[in-house]
Amino acid sequence: MDSIDVDKNGKINYTEFLASSLSKEELFTPTNLMKMFRLLDKDGNGEIDRSELEGLFQDNGVDNINGKSLEELILSCDKDNSGTISFE
């Protein structure tokens, strides 16, 4: 139960249920990853920037992420040192 309840609210929601019922191989196909990336890339420029990440967290009720955490997230995924995340 703990591994499925990602938001740790004591309940399994629809998204958590679906994610737990799919294998990683089925979920993380190149096509699915590109679709997920495009959902996050709100302006459609092929990159996910800080404001898009902030919006993602805010839209999902995560208010306690700070600028440093966002920067660390971007840096961990930023392969070309552009300050954004691109799909490669």
Protein backbone atom coordinates (compact mmCIF):
# COMPACT_ATOMS: atom_id res chain seq x y z
CA MET A 1 0.00 0.00 0.00
CA ASP A 2 2.77 2.47 0.91
CA SER A 3 4.51 2.02 -2.42
CA ILE A 4 1.27 2.67 -4.35
CA ASP A 5 0.08 5.63 -2.24
CA VAL A 6 2.49 8.13 -3.79
CA ASP A 7 1.00 11.24 -2.17
CA LYS A 8 0.87 9.47 1.22
CA ASN A 9 -2.72 10.52 1.95
CA GLY A 10 -3.80 7.04 3.07
CA LYS A 11 -5.88 6.48 -0.06
CA ILE A 12 -5.16 5.14 -3.51
CA ASN A 13 -6.50 7.45 -6.19
CA TYR A 14 -7.20 6.54 -9.80
CA THR A 15 -3.82 7.69 -11.10
CA GLU A 16 -1.94 5.78 -8.40
CA PHE A 17 -4.02 2.67 -9.14
CA LEU A 18 -3.28 2.88 -12.87
CA ALA A 19 0.41 3.47 -12.29
CA SER A 20 0.65 0.46 -9.99
CA SER A 21 -1.14 -1.82 -12.43
CA LEU A 22 1.15 -1.05 -15.38
CA SER A 23 4.62 -2.41 -15.75
CA LYS A 24 7.44 0.08 -16.26
CA GLU A 25 8.06 -1.38 -19.69
CA GLU A 26 4.47 -0.63 -20.73
CA LEU A 27 4.36 2.79 -19.12
CA PHE A 28 7.75 4.20 -20.10
CA THR A 29 7.77 3.58 -23.84
CA PRO A 30 9.39 6.27 -26.00
CA THR A 31 5.94 7.27 -27.30
CA ASN A 32 4.46 7.60 -23.81
CA LEU A 33 7.47 9.54 -22.55
CA MET A 34 7.15 11.99 -25.44
CA LYS A 35 3.43 12.44 -24.70
CA MET A 36 4.20 13.13 -21.04
CA PHE A 37 6.92 15.59 -21.99
CA ARG A 38 4.55 17.44 -24.32
CA LEU A 39 1.99 17.73 -21.51
CA LEU A 40 4.60 19.41 -19.33
CA ASP A 41 5.88 21.62 -22.15
CA LYS A 42 2.96 24.07 -21.94
CA ASP A 43 4.24 26.55 -24.52
CA GLY A 44 5.24 23.80 -26.99
CA ASN A 45 8.78 25.08 -27.53
CA GLY A 46 10.38 21.67 -26.97
CA GLU A 47 11.76 22.58 -23.53
CA ILE A 48 10.45 22.54 -19.99
CA ASP A 49 11.51 25.66 -18.13
CA ARG A 50 11.30 26.79 -14.53
CA SER A 51 7.89 28.47 -14.91
CA GLU A 52 6.39 25.32 -16.44
CA LEU A 53 7.73 23.25 -13.54
CA GLU A 54 6.40 25.75 -11.01
CA GLY A 55 3.00 25.58 -12.69
CA LEU A 56 3.04 21.79 -12.61
CA PHE A 57 3.68 21.71 -8.89
CA GLN A 58 1.18 24.47 -8.11
CA ASP A 59 -1.52 22.83 -10.26
CA ASN A 60 -1.06 19.67 -8.22
CA GLY A 61 -1.17 21.33 -4.81
CA VAL A 62 2.56 21.27 -4.09
CA ASP A 63 3.17 24.65 -2.53
CA ASN A 64 6.28 23.93 -0.49
CA ILE A 65 8.80 23.51 -3.31
CA ASN A 66 11.31 26.32 -3.31
CA GLY A 67 13.41 27.89 -6.02
CA LYS A 68 16.50 25.95 -5.02
CA SER A 69 14.67 22.64 -5.38
CA LEU A 70 13.41 23.65 -8.83
CA GLU A 71 16.91 24.63 -9.88
CA GLU A 72 18.30 21.31 -8.63
CA LEU A 73 15.59 19.44 -10.55
CA ILE A 74 16.38 21.30 -13.74
CA LEU A 75 20.14 20.84 -13.28
CA SER A 76 19.72 17.11 -12.78
CA CYS A 77 17.91 16.81 -16.13
CA ASP A 78 19.61 19.59 -18.12
CA LYS A 79 21.99 17.77 -20.43
CA ASP A 80 23.11 20.80 -22.48
CA ASN A 81 23.38 23.42 -19.69
CA SER A 82 20.61 25.54 -21.24
CA GLY A 83 18.70 26.00 -17.99
CA THR A 84 15.80 23.98 -19.35
CA ILE A 85 14.85 20.33 -19.79
CA SER A 86 14.63 19.07 -23.35
CA PHE A 87 13.51 15.71 -24.70
CA GLU A 88 16.41 13.84 -26.25
